[in-house]
Protein backbone atom coordinates (compact mmCIF):
# COMPACT_ATOMS: atom_id res chain seq x y z
CA MET A 1 -7.01 33.75 -0.08
CA ASN A 2 -8.71 33.63 3.62
CA ALA A 3 -7.30 34.09 6.86
CA ILE A 4 -6.66 30.46 7.55
CA CYS A 5 -5.01 29.97 4.26
CA LEU A 6 -2.61 33.00 5.06
CA LYS A 7 -1.94 31.43 8.44
CA LEU A 8 -1.45 28.06 7.20
CA LEU A 9 0.79 28.23 4.12
CA PRO A 10 4.14 28.88 5.69
CA PHE A 11 3.45 25.67 7.69
CA VAL A 12 2.51 23.37 4.56
CA ILE A 13 5.83 24.60 3.04
CA ALA A 14 7.84 23.61 5.80
CA ALA A 15 6.02 19.95 6.41
CA ILE A 16 6.92 18.99 2.78
CA THR A 17 10.52 20.33 3.39
CA ALA A 18 10.49 18.14 6.74
CA CYS A 19 9.57 14.99 4.52
CA ALA A 20 12.34 15.85 1.93
CA GLY A 21 14.15 12.53 1.01
CA THR A 22 11.03 10.15 1.54
CA ARG A 23 9.79 8.20 -1.47
CA PHE A 24 7.18 10.85 -2.18
CA PRO A 25 5.83 14.23 -1.00
CA LEU A 26 3.01 13.44 1.64
CA ILE A 27 1.31 16.58 1.18
CA GLU A 28 0.09 17.71 -2.25
CA PRO A 29 2.35 20.98 -3.19
CA ASP A 30 -0.22 23.27 -3.18
CA ALA A 31 -2.46 21.95 -0.56
CA GLU A 32 -4.23 24.20 2.18
CA ILE A 33 -5.59 23.13 5.44
CA VAL A 34 -9.53 23.94 5.05
CA GLN A 35 -12.18 24.24 7.63
CA LEU A 36 -15.07 22.33 6.52
CA ALA A 37 -17.29 22.88 9.29
CA ASN A 38 -17.35 24.45 12.84
CA GLY A 39 -19.60 25.14 15.59
CA PHE A 40 -19.12 21.83 17.63
CA LEU A 41 -18.36 21.24 21.07
CA PHE A 42 -15.51 18.77 20.86
CA THR A 43 -15.21 16.72 17.71
CA GLU A 44 -13.54 12.95 17.60
CA GLY A 45 -13.45 9.49 16.13
CA PRO A 46 -13.63 10.24 12.28
CA ALA A 47 -13.98 7.08 9.90
CA ALA A 48 -14.43 6.61 6.38
CA ASP A 49 -16.91 4.46 4.73
CA ALA A 50 -16.66 2.69 1.33
CA ASP A 51 -17.50 5.61 -0.35
CA GLY A 52 -15.28 8.16 1.27
CA ASN A 53 -17.84 9.88 3.18
CA VAL A 54 -16.63 10.52 6.85
CA PHE A 55 -18.55 10.21 9.82
CA PHE A 56 -17.17 11.83 13.43
CA SER A 57 -18.55 12.26 16.82
CA ASP A 58 -19.18 15.73 18.81
CA ILE A 59 -19.24 14.10 22.23
CA PRO A 60 -20.67 16.90 24.49
CA ASN A 61 -23.75 16.88 21.68
CA ARG A 62 -24.22 13.18 21.62
CA ARG A 63 -24.03 13.44 17.76
CA ILE A 64 -22.45 11.53 15.12
CA HIS A 65 -22.30 13.84 12.27
CA LYS A 66 -21.42 12.73 8.27
CA TRP A 67 -19.53 14.86 6.07
CA SER A 68 -20.53 13.43 2.59
CA VAL A 69 -18.19 13.16 -0.89
CA ASP A 70 -20.15 15.70 -2.25
CA GLY A 71 -19.26 18.51 0.90
CA GLU A 72 -22.61 18.48 2.80
CA LEU A 73 -22.42 18.20 6.43
CA HIS A 74 -25.38 16.06 8.01
CA THR A 75 -26.41 14.59 11.27
CA TYR A 76 -26.17 11.06 11.28
CA ARG A 77 -27.58 9.75 14.80
CA GLU A 78 -28.41 11.46 18.05
CA ASP A 79 -29.57 8.70 20.12
CA LEU A 80 -26.33 7.46 21.22
CA GLY A 81 -24.43 7.63 24.58
CA ALA A 82 -21.63 10.04 24.17
CA THR A 83 -19.81 8.56 21.10
CA ASN A 84 -16.13 8.88 20.50
CA GLY A 85 -14.18 6.33 18.25
CA LEU A 86 -15.93 5.31 15.23
CA TYR A 87 -14.78 2.40 12.68
CA PHE A 88 -16.43 0.59 9.84
CA ASP A 89 -16.18 -3.18 9.37
CA SER A 90 -15.86 -5.15 6.16
CA ASP A 91 -19.77 -5.33 5.79
CA GLY A 92 -20.11 -1.56 6.28
CA SER A 93 -21.55 -1.33 9.66
CA LEU A 94 -20.53 1.52 11.97
CA VAL A 95 -18.81 -0.08 15.08
CA VAL A 96 -19.06 2.67 17.84
CA CYS A 97 -17.44 3.73 21.00
CA GLU A 98 -20.42 5.03 23.70
CA MET A 99 -18.49 6.61 26.43
CA GLN A 100 -21.42 7.43 28.46
CA ARG A 101 -23.07 4.32 28.28
CA ARG A 102 -19.68 2.43 28.58
CA GLN A 103 -20.08 -0.07 25.86
CA LEU A 104 -19.68 -0.73 22.14
CA SER A 105 -22.28 -0.92 19.44
CA ARG A 106 -22.54 -1.93 15.89
CA ILE A 107 -24.85 0.09 13.52
CA ALA A 108 -25.75 -1.83 10.57
CA PRO A 109 -26.24 -0.18 7.01
CA ASP A 110 -30.11 -0.08 7.48
CA GLY A 111 -29.74 1.65 10.57
CA THR A 112 -30.30 -1.23 13.03
CA ARG A 113 -28.19 -0.82 16.57
CA THR A 114 -27.03 -4.07 18.15
CA LEU A 115 -24.82 -3.85 21.43
CA LEU A 116 -21.41 -5.35 21.02
CA ALA A 117 -19.93 -5.43 24.36
CA ASP A 118 -20.15 -3.38 27.87
CA ALA A 119 -18.47 -5.51 30.01
CA HIS A 120 -15.38 -7.79 30.69
CA ALA A 121 -15.33 -10.77 32.94
CA GLY A 122 -18.95 -9.55 34.37
CA LYS A 123 -17.77 -6.37 35.23
CA LYS A 124 -18.61 -2.97 33.64
CA LEU A 125 -16.40 -1.42 31.03
CA ASN A 126 -15.02 2.16 31.87
CA THR A 127 -15.46 4.51 28.76
CA PRO A 128 -14.57 3.01 25.44
CA ASN A 129 -12.59 5.46 23.68
CA ASP A 130 -11.22 4.23 20.65
CA LEU A 131 -11.21 1.16 18.38
CA TRP A 132 -9.86 -0.67 15.09
CA VAL A 133 -11.54 -3.68 13.46
CA ASP A 134 -9.28 -6.23 12.10
CA PRO A 135 -9.52 -8.01 8.87
CA ARG A 136 -11.06 -10.93 10.40
CA GLY A 137 -13.65 -8.59 12.06
CA GLY A 138 -12.25 -8.71 15.66
CA VAL A 139 -12.59 -5.60 17.16
CA TYR A 140 -9.64 -4.09 19.43
CA PHE A 141 -10.46 -0.99 21.86
CA THR A 142 -8.85 1.03 24.25
CA ASP A 143 -10.87 1.56 27.62
CA PRO A 144 -9.47 4.44 29.78
CA TYR A 145 -11.81 6.59 32.09
CA TYR A 146 -12.51 10.34 30.87
CA GLY A 147 -14.88 12.58 33.15
CA GLU A 148 -15.92 12.62 36.66
CA GLN A 149 -13.94 9.69 38.37
CA PRO A 150 -16.55 7.16 40.24
CA GLU A 151 -15.54 6.10 43.50
CA THR A 152 -14.59 2.81 41.93
CA LEU A 153 -13.84 1.32 38.76
CA GLU A 154 -15.06 -1.93 37.99
CA GLN A 155 -12.01 -3.00 35.68
CA PHE A 156 -9.62 -1.68 38.44
CA GLY A 157 -7.42 -0.02 35.61
CA PHE A 158 -7.20 1.00 31.95
CA HIS A 159 -6.81 -1.62 29.69
CA VAL A 160 -7.00 -2.48 25.67
CA TYR A 161 -9.61 -5.41 24.83
CA TYR A 162 -10.27 -7.51 21.86
CA ILE A 163 -13.68 -8.73 20.69
CA THR A 164 -13.22 -12.07 18.73
CA PRO A 165 -14.82 -12.48 15.65
CA GLY A 166 -17.60 -15.16 15.84
CA GLU A 167 -18.51 -15.60 19.42
CA GLN A 168 -17.76 -12.19 20.22
CA ARG A 169 -15.90 -12.81 23.64
CA VAL A 170 -14.09 -9.86 25.33
CA VAL A 171 -10.49 -10.48 25.77
CA ARG A 172 -8.23 -8.21 27.77
CA VAL A 173 -4.83 -8.21 25.94
CA LEU A 174 -2.82 -5.28 27.40
CA ASP A 175 -3.03 -4.68 30.98
CA ASP A 176 -0.19 -2.57 31.95
CA LEU A 177 -0.56 0.98 30.04
CA LYS A 178 -1.32 4.30 31.90
CA GLY A 179 -3.65 5.60 29.75
CA PRO A 180 -4.56 3.54 26.38
CA ASN A 181 -6.13 6.22 24.09
CA GLY A 182 -5.45 6.12 20.05
CA ILE A 183 -5.48 2.48 18.41
CA ILE A 184 -4.75 1.64 15.16
CA GLY A 185 -3.93 -1.76 13.08
CA THR A 186 -2.10 -2.46 9.64
CA ALA A 187 -4.66 -3.37 6.84
CA ASP A 188 -2.65 -7.06 6.72
CA GLY A 189 -3.78 -7.47 10.27
CA ARG A 190 -0.08 -8.12 11.34
CA LEU A 191 0.63 -4.88 13.62
CA LEU A 192 -1.31 -2.94 16.32
CA TYR A 193 -0.38 0.55 17.24
CA VAL A 194 -1.63 1.81 20.71
CA GLY A 195 -0.85 5.30 21.98
CA ASP A 196 -0.71 5.46 25.88
CA ALA A 197 -1.61 9.18 26.53
CA GLY A 198 -0.70 8.54 30.43
CA ALA A 199 2.70 7.62 29.51
CA ASN A 200 2.86 9.89 26.56
CA LYS A 201 4.31 6.87 24.44
CA THR A 202 3.03 4.85 21.35
CA TYR A 203 3.96 1.14 21.32
CA VAL A 204 3.63 -1.20 18.38
CA PHE A 205 2.80 -4.82 19.00
CA ARG A 206 2.63 -8.00 16.92
CA ILE A 207 -0.97 -9.43 16.36
CA GLU A 208 -1.19 -13.20 16.92
CA SER A 209 -3.15 -15.68 15.15
CA ASP A 210 -5.59 -15.64 18.35
CA GLY A 211 -5.74 -12.04 18.40
CA SER A 212 -3.12 -11.77 21.48
CA LEU A 213 -0.29 -9.09 21.25
CA THR A 214 3.34 -9.80 21.89
CA GLY A 215 6.49 -8.04 20.79
CA ARG A 216 5.87 -4.81 22.65
CA ARG A 217 8.02 -2.30 21.25
CA LEU A 218 8.38 1.77 21.77
CA PHE A 219 7.48 3.30 18.54
CA ALA A 220 7.16 7.01 18.95
CA PRO A 221 7.90 9.26 22.30
CA GLU A 222 4.56 10.66 22.06
CA ALA A 223 0.92 9.95 22.53
CA TYR A 224 -1.95 12.30 23.07
CA ASP A 225 -5.13 10.86 21.20
CA GLY A 226 -5.93 9.59 17.59
CA LEU A 227 -3.80 7.54 15.32
CA THR A 228 -3.96 6.77 11.51
CA LEU A 229 -1.71 4.97 9.10
CA ASP A 230 -1.35 5.76 5.10
CA GLU A 231 -1.02 3.12 2.51
CA GLU A 232 2.97 3.57 2.71
CA GLY A 233 2.60 2.51 6.30
CA ASN A 234 3.40 6.09 7.88
CA LEU A 235 1.97 6.31 11.41
CA TYR A 236 0.13 9.78 11.92
CA VAL A 237 -0.19 10.54 15.65
CA THR A 238 -2.17 13.77 17.06
CA GLY A 239 -0.95 16.03 19.56
CA LYS A 240 -0.51 19.65 19.67
CA GLY A 241 -0.67 19.07 15.94
CA VAL A 242 0.00 15.88 13.90
CA ASN A 243 3.33 14.28 13.48
CA ILE A 244 3.98 11.67 10.92
CA TYR A 245 6.37 8.58 11.63
CA SER A 246 7.97 6.48 9.13
CA PRO A 247 7.29 2.65 9.51
CA GLU A 248 10.70 2.66 11.02
CA GLY A 249 10.07 4.96 13.65
CA ARG A 250 11.37 8.17 12.37
CA LEU A 251 9.70 11.71 12.50
CA ILE A 252 9.26 12.75 8.98
CA GLY A 253 7.12 15.61 9.15
CA SER A 254 3.88 17.41 10.84
CA ILE A 255 0.82 19.30 10.23
CA ASP A 256 -0.56 22.29 12.22
CA PRO A 257 -4.29 22.54 11.94
CA PRO A 258 -5.71 25.99 13.61
CA GLU A 259 -7.27 24.12 16.64
CA GLN A 260 -5.44 21.11 18.53
CA PRO A 261 -6.26 17.95 16.76
CA ALA A 262 -7.99 15.07 18.53
CA ASN A 263 -8.28 12.14 15.74
CA LEU A 264 -7.86 12.07 11.95
CA THR A 265 -8.78 9.47 9.27
CA PHE A 266 -8.21 9.43 5.53
CA GLY A 267 -11.64 9.77 3.42
CA GLY A 268 -13.01 11.26 0.14
CA PRO A 269 -13.48 9.23 -3.01
CA ASP A 270 -9.63 8.51 -3.64
CA ARG A 271 -8.74 8.35 0.24
CA ARG A 272 -6.14 11.23 -0.42
CA THR A 273 -7.81 13.71 1.91
CA LEU A 274 -6.66 13.77 5.37
CA PHE A 275 -9.57 14.45 7.78
CA MET A 276 -9.01 16.15 10.94
CA THR A 277 -11.31 16.39 14.10
CA ALA A 278 -10.10 19.31 15.96
CA ARG A 279 -11.87 20.85 19.05
CA THR A 280 -14.82 22.77 17.45
CA GLY A 281 -14.19 22.03 13.83
CA LEU A 282 -13.58 19.70 10.98
CA TYR A 283 -10.33 20.15 8.77
CA SER A 284 -9.03 18.42 5.79
CA LEU A 285 -6.08 18.48 4.04
CA ARG A 286 -5.02 17.21 0.30
CA MET A 287 -2.22 14.38 0.20
CA LYS A 288 -0.21 12.81 -2.28
CA VAL A 289 -0.51 9.55 -0.55
CA ARG A 290 -3.72 7.33 0.33
CA GLY A 291 -4.81 6.00 3.56
CA GLN A 292 -4.22 2.17 4.24
């Protein structure tokens, strides 16, 4: 057993104990956290395609990498503007938050790239950070600001937006958060979770038919960066580690990779592998539950 596994085995047992009493064990009993690749500068934004390949950003290096289902690392793109959040739509196109260019773009399966959004109400976006594509093809994204602060931000605050399907209008749906960051919705398109890193809180909202958000409710007393959901509706929140909350908002377990995680997603052919982007590395953990 290597050094990483020796370090993490006591934690994995603790995590399974913390989840006792739920309908299933979240983590495979003999699972160990595995470092798949390292040597990056800051990994972020993992997203799985239809086959289970996982794409992720290395922000300072301005690259998108692909970890294939056969266990190989590839450089997918390096001609974009410091990408962060990634998400695949139903057509297999990769929707990308380009922080440096302050825009979102869409990369089709044939590699063709088109601009999706770079402004709201005629004013330039801040730095689009993370996103989720809803079942209708609309795109929710968070727009805080990271990096050297400009003298003025054209949007006068950090907000959450919705790009409507079809006509692709950019609509501001939340304007009262301190620092929106991680975002994920349920597969049925009914609920949206938003992490407000500026307030260290995660909220859940009802999604209305027009894409607007109502019924704001505090879901978890923490928010740092990335969010994901499993098939049972449990929410995974990154912080110093990964905390897992039941659909009712009860803390039921945690995962502690060797480096502080920024974001996470489920991938692999059976969607039972949790992939975590954590600073200089990409890590995985086999689960008993699939991603949603």
